[in-house]
PDB file of all heavy atoms in Angstrom:
ATOM      1  N   LEU A   1     109.899  20.850  19.787  1.00  0.00           N
ATOM      2  CA  LEU A   1     109.870  21.419  18.439  1.00  0.00           C
ATOM      3  C   LEU A   1     108.429  21.684  18.003  1.00  0.00           C
ATOM      4  O   LEU A   1     108.131  22.713  17.380  1.00  0.00           O
ATOM      5  CB  LEU A   1     110.550  20.466  17.458  1.00  0.00           C
ATOM      6  CG  LEU A   1     110.594  20.926  16.004  1.00  0.00           C
ATOM      7  CD1 LEU A   1     111.277  22.271  15.857  1.00  0.00           C
ATOM      8  CD2 LEU A   1     111.278  19.873  15.125  1.00  0.00           C
ATOM      9  N   GLU A   2     107.533  20.776  18.339  1.00  0.00           N
ATOM     10  CA  GLU A   2     106.108  20.963  18.035  1.00  0.00           C
ATOM     11  C   GLU A   2     105.591  22.248  18.676  1.00  0.00           C
ATOM     12  O   GLU A   2     104.862  23.027  18.042  1.00  0.00           O
ATOM     13  CB  GLU A   2     105.311  19.765  18.536  1.00  0.00           C
ATOM     14  CG  GLU A   2     103.811  19.868  18.290  1.00  0.00           C
ATOM     15  CD  GLU A   2     103.051  18.629  18.760  1.00  0.00           C
ATOM     16  OE1 GLU A   2     103.665  17.541  18.827  1.00  0.00           O
ATOM     17  OE2 GLU A   2     101.849  18.746  19.043  1.00  0.00           O
ATOM     18  N   TRP A   3     105.995  22.502  19.919  1.00  0.00           N
ATOM     19  CA  TRP A   3     105.543  23.703  20.619  1.00  0.00           C
ATOM     20  C   TRP A   3     106.093  24.963  19.941  1.00  0.00           C
ATOM     21  O   TRP A   3     105.382  25.962  19.794  1.00  0.00           O
ATOM     22  CB  TRP A   3     105.979  23.652  22.079  1.00  0.00           C
ATOM     23  CG  TRP A   3     105.441  24.779  22.897  1.00  0.00           C
ATOM     24  CD1 TRP A   3     106.046  25.974  23.176  1.00  0.00           C
ATOM     25  CD2 TRP A   3     104.159  24.846  23.506  1.00  0.00           C
ATOM     26  NE1 TRP A   3     105.252  26.769  23.943  1.00  0.00           N
ATOM     27  CE2 TRP A   3     104.068  26.106  24.172  1.00  0.00           C
ATOM     28  CE3 TRP A   3     103.071  23.963  23.589  1.00  0.00           C
ATOM     29  CZ2 TRP A   3     102.948  26.500  24.885  1.00  0.00           C
ATOM     30  CZ3 TRP A   3     101.951  24.345  24.313  1.00  0.00           C
ATOM     31  CH2 TRP A   3     101.895  25.598  24.940  1.00  0.00           C
ATOM     32  N   LYS A   4     107.361  24.916  19.530  1.00  0.00           N
ATOM     33  CA  LYS A   4     107.968  26.060  18.857  1.00  0.00           C
ATOM     34  C   LYS A   4     107.202  26.416  17.576  1.00  0.00           C
ATOM     35  O   LYS A   4     106.915  27.583  17.303  1.00  0.00           O
ATOM     36  CB  LYS A   4     109.437  25.752  18.510  1.00  0.00           C
ATOM     37  CG  LYS A   4     110.427  25.874  19.648  1.00  0.00           C
ATOM     38  CD  LYS A   4     111.819  25.508  19.172  1.00  0.00           C
ATOM     39  CE  LYS A   4     112.852  25.803  20.242  1.00  0.00           C
ATOM     40  NZ  LYS A   4     113.003  27.261  20.488  1.00  0.00           N
ATOM     41  N   LEU A   5     106.878  25.399  16.788  1.00  0.00           N
ATOM     42  CA  LEU A   5     106.168  25.637  15.539  1.00  0.00           C
ATOM     43  C   LEU A   5     104.732  26.086  15.791  1.00  0.00           C
ATOM     44  O   LEU A   5     104.163  26.857  15.014  1.00  0.00           O
ATOM     45  CB  LEU A   5     106.185  24.359  14.686  1.00  0.00           C
ATOM     46  CG  LEU A   5     107.579  23.912  14.235  1.00  0.00           C
ATOM     47  CD1 LEU A   5     107.504  22.575  13.511  1.00  0.00           C
ATOM     48  CD2 LEU A   5     108.231  24.959  13.345  1.00  0.00           C
ATOM     49  N   ALA A   6     104.139  25.618  16.876  1.00  0.00           N
ATOM     50  CA  ALA A   6     102.779  26.036  17.219  1.00  0.00           C
ATOM     51  C   ALA A   6     102.757  27.494  17.655  1.00  0.00           C
ATOM     52  O   ALA A   6     101.789  28.218  17.401  1.00  0.00           O
ATOM     53  CB  ALA A   6     102.216  25.145  18.322  1.00  0.00           C
ATOM     54  N   GLU A   7     103.831  27.947  18.307  1.00  0.00           N
ATOM     55  CA  GLU A   7     103.888  29.336  18.785  1.00  0.00           C
ATOM     56  C   GLU A   7     103.875  30.346  17.641  1.00  0.00           C
ATOM     57  O   GLU A   7     103.387  31.458  17.804  1.00  0.00           O
ATOM     58  CB  GLU A   7     105.145  29.538  19.647  1.00  0.00           C
ATOM     59  CG  GLU A   7     105.009  28.963  21.048  1.00  0.00           C
ATOM     60  CD  GLU A   7     106.187  29.324  21.929  1.00  0.00           C
ATOM     61  OE1 GLU A   7     107.345  29.243  21.448  1.00  0.00           O
ATOM     62  OE2 GLU A   7     105.966  29.695  23.096  1.00  0.00           O
ATOM     63  N   VAL A   8     104.394  29.953  16.472  1.00  0.00           N
ATOM     64  CA  VAL A   8     104.361  30.865  15.319  1.00  0.00           C
ATOM     65  C   VAL A   8     103.118  30.642  14.462  1.00  0.00           C
ATOM     66  O   VAL A   8     102.944  31.302  13.442  1.00  0.00           O
ATOM     67  CB  VAL A   8     105.638  30.736  14.459  1.00  0.00           C
ATOM     68  CG1 VAL A   8     106.853  31.127  15.260  1.00  0.00           C
ATOM     69  CG2 VAL A   8     105.785  29.334  13.894  1.00  0.00           C
ATOM     70  N   GLY A   9     102.263  29.683  14.869  1.00  0.00           N
ATOM     71  CA  GLY A   9     100.984  29.478  14.193  1.00  0.00           C
ATOM     72  C   GLY A   9     100.989  28.449  13.093  1.00  0.00           C
ATOM     73  O   GLY A   9      99.983  28.245  12.423  1.00  0.00           O
ATOM     74  N   ALA A  10     102.124  27.751  12.896  1.00  0.00           N
ATOM     75  CA  ALA A  10     102.234  26.837  11.760  1.00  0.00           C
ATOM     76  C   ALA A  10     101.433  25.554  11.946  1.00  0.00           C
ATOM     77  O   ALA A  10     100.951  24.973  10.968  1.00  0.00           O
ATOM     78  CB  ALA A  10     103.696  26.489  11.503  1.00  0.00           C
ATOM     79  N   ILE A  11     101.290  25.103  13.176  1.00  0.00           N
ATOM     80  CA  ILE A  11     100.557  23.871  13.438  1.00  0.00           C
ATOM     81  C   ILE A  11      99.593  24.093  14.602  1.00  0.00           C
ATOM     82  O   ILE A  11      99.806  24.955  15.443  1.00  0.00           O
ATOM     83  CB  ILE A  11     101.498  22.681  13.754  1.00  0.00           C
ATOM     84  CG1 ILE A  11     102.392  22.997  14.959  1.00  0.00           C
ATOM     85  CG2 ILE A  11     102.353  22.332  12.546  1.00  0.00           C
ATOM     86  CD1 ILE A  11     103.298  21.860  15.347  1.00  0.00           C
ATOM     87  N   ALA A  12      98.539  23.282  14.627  1.00  0.00           N
ATOM     88  CA  ALA A  12      97.549  23.348  15.708  1.00  0.00           C
ATOM     89  C   ALA A  12      97.831  22.203  16.676  1.00  0.00           C
ATOM     90  O   ALA A  12      97.307  21.104  16.531  1.00  0.00           O
ATOM     91  CB  ALA A  12      96.132  23.246  15.136  1.00  0.00           C
ATOM     92  N   THR A  13      98.678  22.466  17.648  1.00  0.00           N
ATOM     93  CA  THR A  13      99.075  21.420  18.588  1.00  0.00           C
ATOM     94  C   THR A  13      97.994  21.162  19.631  1.00  0.00           C
ATOM     95  O   THR A  13      97.194  22.045  19.955  1.00  0.00           O
ATOM     96  CB  THR A  13     100.380  21.806  19.296  1.00  0.00           C
ATOM     97  OG1 THR A  13     100.764  20.753  20.198  1.00  0.00           O
ATOM     98  CG2 THR A  13     100.207  23.092  20.097  1.00  0.00           C
ATOM     99  N   ASN A  14      97.998  19.939  20.167  1.00  0.00           N
ATOM    100  CA  ASN A  14      97.102  19.620  21.276  1.00  0.00           C
ATOM    101  C   ASN A  14      97.852  19.634  22.614  1.00  0.00           C
ATOM    102  O   ASN A  14      97.299  19.259  23.646  1.00  0.00           O
ATOM    103  CB  ASN A  14      96.425  18.265  21.060  1.00  0.00           C
ATOM    104  CG  ASN A  14      97.433  17.142  20.848  1.00  0.00           C
ATOM    105  OD1 ASN A  14      98.649  17.340  20.955  1.00  0.00           O
ATOM    106  ND2 ASN A  14      96.945  15.952  20.552  1.00  0.00           N
ATOM    107  N   LEU A  15      99.119  20.070  22.573  1.00  0.00           N
ATOM    108  CA  LEU A  15      99.884  20.220  23.810  1.00  0.00           C
ATOM    109  C   LEU A  15      99.321  21.399  24.592  1.00  0.00           C
ATOM    110  O   LEU A  15      99.041  22.457  24.032  1.00  0.00           O
ATOM    111  CB  LEU A  15     101.362  20.459  23.502  1.00  0.00           C
ATOM    112  CG  LEU A  15     102.102  19.334  22.766  1.00  0.00           C
ATOM    113  CD1 LEU A  15     103.517  19.796  22.402  1.00  0.00           C
ATOM    114  CD2 LEU A  15     102.149  18.075  23.618  1.00  0.00           C
ATOM    115  N   GLU A  16      99.156  21.217  25.891  1.00  0.00           N
ATOM    116  CA  GLU A  16      98.538  22.251  26.721  1.00  0.00           C
ATOM    117  C   GLU A  16      99.532  23.273  27.250  1.00  0.00           C
ATOM    118  O   GLU A  16      99.158  24.381  27.608  1.00  0.00           O
ATOM    119  CB  GLU A  16      97.775  21.605  27.881  1.00  0.00           C
ATOM    120  CG  GLU A  16      96.597  20.742  27.417  1.00  0.00           C
ATOM    121  CD  GLU A  16      95.828  20.140  28.566  1.00  0.00           C
ATOM    122  OE1 GLU A  16      96.258  20.347  29.727  1.00  0.00           O
ATOM    123  OE2 GLU A  16      94.810  19.475  28.316  1.00  0.00           O
ATOM    124  N   GLU A  17     100.811  22.886  27.327  1.00  0.00           N
ATOM    125  CA  GLU A  17     101.823  23.823  27.787  1.00  0.00           C
ATOM    126  C   GLU A  17     103.176  23.447  27.217  1.00  0.00           C
ATOM    127  O   GLU A  17     103.359  22.345  26.699  1.00  0.00           O
ATOM    128  CB  GLU A  17     101.885  23.881  29.319  1.00  0.00           C
ATOM    129  CG  GLU A  17     102.240  22.560  29.962  1.00  0.00           C
ATOM    130  CD  GLU A  17     102.307  22.652  31.472  1.00  0.00           C
ATOM    131  OE1 GLU A  17     101.888  23.683  32.040  1.00  0.00           O
ATOM    132  OE2 GLU A  17     102.800  21.694  32.091  1.00  0.00           O
ATOM    133  N   ASN A  18     104.099  24.387  27.306  1.00  0.00           N
ATOM    134  CA  ASN A  18     105.443  24.177  26.778  1.00  0.00           C
ATOM    135  C   ASN A  18     106.108  23.003  27.494  1.00  0.00           C
ATOM    136  O   ASN A  18     106.280  23.033  28.712  1.00  0.00           O
ATOM    137  CB  ASN A  18     106.265  25.455  26.975  1.00  0.00           C
ATOM    138  CG  ASN A  18     107.618  25.371  26.284  1.00  0.00           C
ATOM    139  OD1 ASN A  18     108.022  24.319  25.813  1.00  0.00           O
ATOM    140  ND2 ASN A  18     108.297  26.503  26.218  1.00  0.00           N
ATOM    141  N   PRO A  19     106.508  21.957  26.743  1.00  0.00           N
ATOM    142  CA  PRO A  19     107.145  20.802  27.382  1.00  0.00           C
ATOM    143  C   PRO A  19     108.466  21.163  28.066  1.00  0.00           C
ATOM    144  O   PRO A  19     108.926  20.437  28.943  1.00  0.00           O
ATOM    145  CB  PRO A  19     107.399  19.844  26.204  1.00  0.00           C
ATOM    146  CG  PRO A  19     106.481  20.290  25.130  1.00  0.00           C
ATOM    147  CD  PRO A  19     106.347  21.765  25.296  1.00  0.00           C
ATOM    148  N   LYS A  20     109.068  22.279  27.651  1.00  0.00           N
ATOM    149  CA  LYS A  20     110.352  22.687  28.218  1.00  0.00           C
ATOM    150  C   LYS A  20     110.172  23.629  29.400  1.00  0.00           C
ATOM    151  O   LYS A  20     111.145  24.105  29.977  1.00  0.00           O
ATOM    152  CB  LYS A  20     111.194  23.376  27.141  1.00  0.00           C
ATOM    153  CG  LYS A  20     112.693  23.218  27.344  1.00  0.00           C
ATOM    154  CD  LYS A  20     113.437  23.657  26.105  1.00  0.00           C
ATOM    155  CE  LYS A  20     114.944  23.395  26.278  1.00  0.00           C
ATOM    156  NZ  LYS A  20     115.707  23.722  25.055  1.00  0.00           N
ATOM    157  N   LYS A  21     108.901  23.890  29.758  1.00  0.00           N
ATOM    158  CA  LYS A  21     108.611  24.862  30.811  1.00  0.00           C
ATOM    159  C   LYS A  21     109.235  24.452  32.140  1.00  0.00           C
ATOM    160  O   LYS A  21     109.845  25.263  32.829  1.00  0.00           O
ATOM    161  CB  LYS A  21     107.105  25.009  30.975  1.00  0.00           C
ATOM    162  CG  LYS A  21     106.674  26.000  32.036  1.00  0.00           C
ATOM    163  CD  LYS A  21     105.159  26.094  32.093  1.00  0.00           C
ATOM    164  CE  LYS A  21     104.714  27.060  33.182  1.00  0.00           C
ATOM    165  NZ  LYS A  21     103.241  27.135  33.287  1.00  0.00           N
ATOM    166  N   ASP A  22     109.103  23.185  32.519  1.00  0.00           N
ATOM    167  CA  ASP A  22     109.628  22.730  33.803  1.00  0.00           C
ATOM    168  C   ASP A  22     111.143  22.855  33.846  1.00  0.00           C
ATOM    169  O   ASP A  22     111.719  23.252  34.854  1.00  0.00           O
ATOM    170  CB  ASP A  22     109.219  21.266  34.043  1.00  0.00           C
ATOM    171  CG  ASP A  22     107.715  21.133  34.260  1.00  0.00           C
ATOM    172  OD1 ASP A  22     107.090  22.141  34.615  1.00  0.00           O
ATOM    173  OD2 ASP A  22     107.187  20.026  34.043  1.00  0.00           O
ATOM    174  N   ILE A  23     111.792  22.517  32.717  1.00  0.00           N
ATOM    175  CA  ILE A  23     113.251  22.619  32.667  1.00  0.00           C
ATOM    176  C   ILE A  23     113.678  24.069  32.784  1.00  0.00           C
ATOM    177  O   ILE A  23     114.621  24.409  33.497  1.00  0.00           O
ATOM    178  CB  ILE A  23     113.778  22.002  31.340  1.00  0.00           C
ATOM    179  CG1 ILE A  23     113.425  20.521  31.280  1.00  0.00           C
ATOM    180  CG2 ILE A  23     115.276  22.207  31.221  1.00  0.00           C
ATOM    181  CD1 ILE A  23     113.809  19.851  29.982  1.00  0.00           C
ATOM    182  N   THR A  24     112.967  24.953  32.083  1.00  0.00           N
ATOM    183  CA  THR A  24     113.281  26.387  32.130  1.00  0.00           C
ATOM    184  C   THR A  24     113.118  26.927  33.537  1.00  0.00           C
ATOM    185  O   THR A  24     113.946  27.701  34.028  1.00  0.00           O
ATOM    186  CB  THR A  24     112.363  27.161  31.165  1.00  0.00           C
ATOM    187  OG1 THR A  24     112.505  26.629  29.849  1.00  0.00           O
ATOM    188  CG2 THR A  24     112.714  28.638  31.152  1.00  0.00           C
ATOM    189  N   ASN A  25     112.031  26.520  34.206  1.00  0.00           N
ATOM    190  CA  ASN A  25     111.794  26.964  35.584  1.00  0.00           C
ATOM    191  C   ASN A  25     112.896  26.473  36.520  1.00  0.00           C
ATOM    192  O   ASN A  25     113.357  27.208  37.400  1.00  0.00           O
ATOM    193  CB  ASN A  25     110.442  26.470  36.074  1.00  0.00           C
ATOM    194  CG  ASN A  25     109.290  27.186  35.385  1.00  0.00           C
ATOM    195  OD1 ASN A  25     109.476  28.252  34.805  1.00  0.00           O
ATOM    196  ND2 ASN A  25     108.101  26.610  35.433  1.00  0.00           N
ATOM    197  N   MET A  26     113.331  25.219  36.319  1.00  0.00           N
ATOM    198  CA  MET A  26     114.393  24.666  37.155  1.00  0.00           C
ATOM    199  C   MET A  26     115.695  25.434  36.959  1.00  0.00           C
ATOM    200  O   MET A  26     116.418  25.728  37.907  1.00  0.00           O
ATOM    201  CB  MET A  26     114.589  23.183  36.835  1.00  0.00           C
ATOM    202  CG  MET A  26     113.447  22.281  37.331  1.00  0.00           C
ATOM    203  SD  MET A  26     113.689  20.562  36.858  1.00  0.00           S
ATOM    204  CE  MET A  26     115.213  20.187  37.709  1.00  0.00           C
ATOM    205  N   MET A  27     115.996  25.760  35.679  1.00  0.00           N
ATOM    206  CA  MET A  27     117.217  26.506  35.387  1.00  0.00           C
ATOM    207  C   MET A  27     117.151  27.899  36.011  1.00  0.00           C
ATOM    208  O   MET A  27     118.149  28.404  36.553  1.00  0.00           O
ATOM    209  CB  MET A  27     117.413  26.610  33.875  1.00  0.00           C
ATOM    210  CG  MET A  27     117.727  25.272  33.196  1.00  0.00           C
ATOM    211  SD  MET A  27     119.267  24.561  33.791  1.00  0.00           S
ATOM    212  CE  MET A  27     120.441  25.765  33.202  1.00  0.00           C
ATOM    213  N   THR A  28     115.979  28.531  35.957  1.00  0.00           N
ATOM    214  CA  THR A  28     115.807  29.861  36.543  1.00  0.00           C
ATOM    215  C   THR A  28     116.032  29.830  38.044  1.00  0.00           C
ATOM    216  O   THR A  28     116.714  30.687  38.613  1.00  0.00           O
ATOM    217  CB  THR A  28     114.393  30.403  36.246  1.00  0.00           C
ATOM    218  OG1 THR A  28     114.206  30.444  34.830  1.00  0.00           O
ATOM    219  CG2 THR A  28     114.218  31.798  36.817  1.00  0.00           C
ATOM    220  N   LEU A  29     115.450  28.801  38.688  1.00  0.00           N
ATOM    221  CA  LEU A  29     115.629  28.662  40.142  1.00  0.00           C
ATOM    222  C   LEU A  29     117.079  28.399  40.486  1.00  0.00           C
ATOM    223  O   LEU A  29     117.606  28.912  41.482  1.00  0.00           O
ATOM    224  CB  LEU A  29     114.741  27.522  40.660  1.00  0.00           C
ATOM    225  CG  LEU A  29     113.229  27.779  40.640  1.00  0.00           C
ATOM    226  CD1 LEU A  29     112.468  26.506  41.029  1.00  0.00           C
ATOM    227  CD2 LEU A  29     112.868  28.921  41.594  1.00  0.00           C
ATOM    228  N   LEU A  30     117.757  27.585  39.651  1.00  0.00           N
ATOM    229  CA  LEU A  30     119.169  27.277  39.901  1.00  0.00           C
ATOM    230  C   LEU A  30     120.021  28.532  39.803  1.00  0.00           C
ATOM    231  O   LEU A  30     120.888  28.772  40.645  1.00  0.00           O
ATOM    232  CB  LEU A  30     119.650  26.229  38.895  1.00  0.00           C
ATOM    233  CG  LEU A  30     121.113  25.784  39.028  1.00  0.00           C
ATOM    234  CD1 LEU A  30     121.332  25.151  40.396  1.00  0.00           C
ATOM    235  CD2 LEU A  30     121.474  24.793  37.916  1.00  0.00           C
ATOM    236  N   VAL A  31     119.764  29.354  38.791  1.00  0.00           N
ATOM    237  CA  VAL A  31     120.509  30.602  38.614  1.00  0.00           C
ATOM    238  C   VAL A  31     120.269  31.526  39.809  1.00  0.00           C
ATOM    239  O   VAL A  31     121.201  32.157  40.325  1.00  0.00           O
ATOM    240  CB  VAL A  31     120.093  31.303  37.307  1.00  0.00           C
ATOM    241  CG1 VAL A  31     120.686  32.709  37.246  1.00  0.00           C
ATOM    242  CG2 VAL A  31     120.559  30.483  36.106  1.00  0.00           C
ATOM    243  N   ARG A  32     119.022  31.590  40.269  1.00  0.00           N
ATOM    244  CA  ARG A  32     118.703  32.433  41.434  1.00  0.00           C
ATOM    245  C   ARG A  32     119.428  31.946  42.678  1.00  0.00           C
ATOM    246  O   ARG A  32     119.946  32.739  43.471  1.00  0.00           O
ATOM    247  CB  ARG A  32     117.194  32.432  41.676  1.00  0.00           C
ATOM    248  CG  ARG A  32     116.394  33.226  40.639  1.00  0.00           C
ATOM    249  CD  ARG A  32     114.909  33.125  40.922  1.00  0.00           C
ATOM    250  NE  ARG A  32     114.144  33.874  39.928  1.00  0.00           N
ATOM    251  CZ  ARG A  32     112.816  33.854  39.877  1.00  0.00           C
ATOM    252  NH1 ARG A  32     112.113  33.160  40.764  1.00  0.00           N
ATOM    253  NH2 ARG A  32     112.191  34.555  38.935  1.00  0.00           N
ATOM    254  N   ASP A  33     119.457  30.615  42.859  1.00  0.00           N
ATOM    255  CA  ASP A  33     120.139  30.054  44.033  1.00  0.00           C
ATOM    256  C   ASP A  33     121.621  30.373  44.002  1.00  0.00           C
ATOM    257  O   ASP A  33     122.225  30.714  45.023  1.00  0.00           O
ATOM    258  CB  ASP A  33     119.923  28.534  44.084  1.00  0.00           C
ATOM    259  CG  ASP A  33     118.493  28.168  44.441  1.00  0.00           C
ATOM    260  OD1 ASP A  33     117.776  29.054  44.944  1.00  0.00           O
ATOM    261  OD2 ASP A  33     118.094  27.011  44.215  1.00  0.00           O
ATOM    262  N   VAL A  34     122.215  30.240  42.801  1.00  0.00           N
ATOM    263  CA  VAL A  34     123.646  30.534  42.663  1.00  0.00           C
ATOM    264  C   VAL A  34     123.913  32.003  42.953  1.00  0.00           C
ATOM    265  O   VAL A  34     124.864  32.356  43.656  1.00  0.00           O
ATOM    266  CB  VAL A  34     124.132  30.158  41.246  1.00  0.00           C
ATOM    267  CG1 VAL A  34     125.559  30.663  41.031  1.00  0.00           C
ATOM    268  CG2 VAL A  34     124.061  28.658  41.038  1.00  0.00           C
ATOM    269  N   SER A  35     123.050  32.882  42.431  1.00  0.00           N
ATOM    270  CA  SER A  35     123.212  34.326  42.661  1.00  0.00           C
ATOM    271  C   SER A  35     123.070  34.668  44.131  1.00  0.00           C
ATOM    272  O   SER A  35     123.835  35.460  44.684  1.00  0.00           O
ATOM    273  CB  SER A  35     122.175  35.101  41.842  1.00  0.00           C
ATOM    274  OG  SER A  35     122.347  34.871  40.465  1.00  0.00           O
ATOM    275  N   ALA A  36     122.053  34.047  44.766  1.00  0.00           N
ATOM    276  CA  ALA A  36     121.838  34.295  46.193  1.00  0.00           C
ATOM    277  C   ALA A  36     123.023  33.811  47.022  1.00  0.00           C
ATOM    278  O   ALA A  36     123.443  34.460  47.983  1.00  0.00           O
ATOM    279  CB  ALA A  36     120.553  33.601  46.649  1.00  0.00           C
ATOM    280  N   HIS A  37     123.602  32.661  46.617  1.00  0.00           N
ATOM    281  CA  HIS A  37     124.755  32.112  47.327  1.00  0.00           C
ATOM    282  C   HIS A  37     125.958  33.037  47.197  1.00  0.00           C
ATOM    283  O   HIS A  37     126.692  33.278  48.162  1.00  0.00           O
ATOM    284  CB  HIS A  37     125.080  30.733  46.758  1.00  0.00           C
ATOM    285  CG  HIS A  37     126.195  30.036  47.473  1.00  0.00           C
ATOM    286  ND1 HIS A  37     126.088  29.604  48.775  1.00  0.00           N
ATOM    287  CD2 HIS A  37     127.454  29.701  47.059  1.00  0.00           C
ATOM    288  CE1 HIS A  37     127.229  29.035  49.143  1.00  0.00           C
ATOM    289  NE2 HIS A  37     128.071  29.073  48.111  1.00  0.00           N
ATOM    290  N   LYS A  38     126.140  33.587  45.980  1.00  0.00           N
ATOM    291  CA  LYS A  38     127.253  34.519  45.766  1.00  0.00           C
ATOM    292  C   LYS A  38     127.073  35.775  46.608  1.00  0.00           C
ATOM    293  O   LYS A  38     128.025  36.289  47.202  1.00  0.00           O
ATOM    294  CB  LYS A  38     127.337  34.893  44.288  1.00  0.00           C
ATOM    295  CG  LYS A  38     127.890  33.774  43.400  1.00  0.00           C
ATOM    296  CD  LYS A  38     127.985  34.246  41.954  1.00  0.00           C
ATOM    297  CE  LYS A  38     128.565  33.152  41.082  1.00  0.00           C
ATOM    298  NZ  LYS A  38     128.657  33.588  39.655  1.00  0.00           N
ATOM    299  N   ASP A  39     125.842  36.289  46.673  1.00  0.00           N
ATOM    300  CA  ASP A  39     125.569  37.490  47.470  1.00  0.00           C
ATOM    301  C   ASP A  39     125.860  37.249  48.936  1.00  0.00           C
ATOM    302  O   ASP A  39     126.424  38.091  49.645  1.00  0.00           O
ATOM    303  CB  ASP A  39     124.116  37.937  47.294  1.00  0.00           C
ATOM    304  CG  ASP A  39     123.848  38.464  45.898  1.00  0.00           C
ATOM    305  OD1 ASP A  39     124.818  38.795  45.197  1.00  0.00           O
ATOM    306  OD2 ASP A  39     122.645  38.519  45.495  1.00  0.00           O
ATOM    307  N   THR A  40     125.479  36.059  49.416  1.00  0.00           N
ATOM    308  CA  THR A  40     125.711  35.713  50.831  1.00  0.00           C
ATOM    309  C   THR A  40     127.194  35.660  51.134  1.00  0.00           C
ATOM    310  O   THR A  40     127.672  36.166  52.153  1.00  0.00           O
ATOM    311  CB  THR A  40     125.044  34.361  51.157  1.00  0.00           C
ATOM    312  OG1 THR A  40     123.645  34.453  50.880  1.00  0.00           O
ATOM    313  CG2 THR A  40     125.257  34.000  52.619  1.00  0.00           C
ATOM    314  N   ASN A  41     127.957  35.018  50.227  1.00  0.00           N
ATOM    315  CA  ASN A  41     129.409  34.916  50.419  1.00  0.00           C
ATOM    316  C   ASN A  41     130.065  36.285  50.393  1.00  0.00           C
ATOM    317  O   ASN A  41     130.987  36.576  51.158  1.00  0.00           O
ATOM    318  CB  ASN A  41     130.029  34.041  49.321  1.00  0.00           C
ATOM    319  CG  ASN A  41     129.694  32.565  49.523  1.00  0.00           C
ATOM    320  OD1 ASN A  41     129.334  32.163  50.620  1.00  0.00           O
ATOM    321  ND2 ASN A  41     129.834  31.768  48.465  1.00  0.00           N
ATOM    322  N   THR A  42     129.541  37.146  49.494  1.00  0.00           N
ATOM    323  CA  THR A  42     130.100  38.495  49.397  1.00  0.00           C
ATOM    324  C   THR A  42     129.891  39.262  50.694  1.00  0.00           C
ATOM    325  O   THR A  42     130.802  39.928  51.221  1.00  0.00           O
ATOM    326  CB  THR A  42     129.463  39.261  48.230  1.00  0.00           C
ATOM    327  OG1 THR A  42     129.706  38.545  47.019  1.00  0.00           O
ATOM    328  CG2 THR A  42     130.043  40.667  48.118  1.00  0.00           C
ATOM    329  N   LYS A  43     128.668  39.161  51.225  1.00  0.00           N
ATOM    330  CA  LYS A  43     128.361  39.854  52.473  1.00  0.00           C
ATOM    331  C   LYS A  43     129.190  39.293  53.629  1.00  0.00           C
ATOM    332  O   LYS A  43     129.660  40.021  54.498  1.00  0.00           O
ATOM    333  CB  LYS A  43     126.876  39.728  52.788  1.00  0.00           C
ATOM    334  CG  LYS A  43     125.991  40.520  51.828  1.00  0.00           C
ATOM    335  CD  LYS A  43     124.529  40.333  52.161  1.00  0.00           C
ATOM    336  CE  LYS A  43     123.656  41.119  51.180  1.00  0.00           C
ATOM    337  NZ  LYS A  43     122.220  40.937  51.458  1.00  0.00           N
ATOM    338  N   SER A  44     129.385  37.964  53.639  1.00  0.00           N
ATOM    339  CA  SER A  44     130.168  37.330  54.703  1.00  0.00           C
ATOM    340  C   SER A  44     131.614  37.803  54.635  1.00  0.00           C
ATOM    341  O   SER A  44     132.252  38.089  55.659  1.00  0.00           O
ATOM    342  CB  SER A  44     130.110  35.809  54.563  1.00  0.00           C
ATOM    343  OG  SER A  44     128.787  35.365  54.723  1.00  0.00           O
ATOM    344  N   ASN A  45     132.145  37.892  53.446  1.00  0.00           N
ATOM    345  CA  ASN A  45     133.527  38.345  53.279  1.00  0.00           C
ATOM    346  C   ASN A  45     133.690  39.788  53.721  1.00  0.00           C
ATOM    347  O   ASN A  45     134.699  40.168  54.309  1.00  0.00           O
ATOM    348  CB  ASN A  45     133.955  38.199  51.817  1.00  0.00           C
ATOM    349  CG  ASN A  45     134.088  36.740  51.407  1.00  0.00           C
ATOM    350  OD1 ASN A  45     134.328  35.885  52.246  1.00  0.00           O
ATOM    351  ND2 ASN A  45     133.958  36.474  50.106  1.00  0.00           N
ATOM    352  N   ASP A  46     132.650  40.609  53.445  1.00  0.00           N
ATOM    353  CA  ASP A  46     132.701  42.007  53.854  1.00  0.00           C
ATOM    354  C   ASP A  46     132.749  42.134  55.380  1.00  0.00           C
ATOM    355  O   ASP A  46     133.435  42.985  55.947  1.00  0.00           O
ATOM    356  CB  ASP A  46     131.500  42.777  53.310  1.00  0.00           C
ATOM    357  CG  ASP A  46     131.587  42.970  51.800  1.00  0.00           C
ATOM    358  OD1 ASP A  46     132.695  42.816  51.263  1.00  0.00           O
ATOM    359  OD2 ASP A  46     130.542  43.237  51.170  1.00  0.00           O
TER     360      ASP A  46
END
């Protein structure tokens, strides 16, 4: 929440990066893996 408020300029945070960045990156990688797995299955079925 501190990061969100800092992004709009309301507070001067001392956080160096978004605390949710690692979680977001993990979710992105998970979605990519799922998509890649679906593509592989589709090609195998073809």
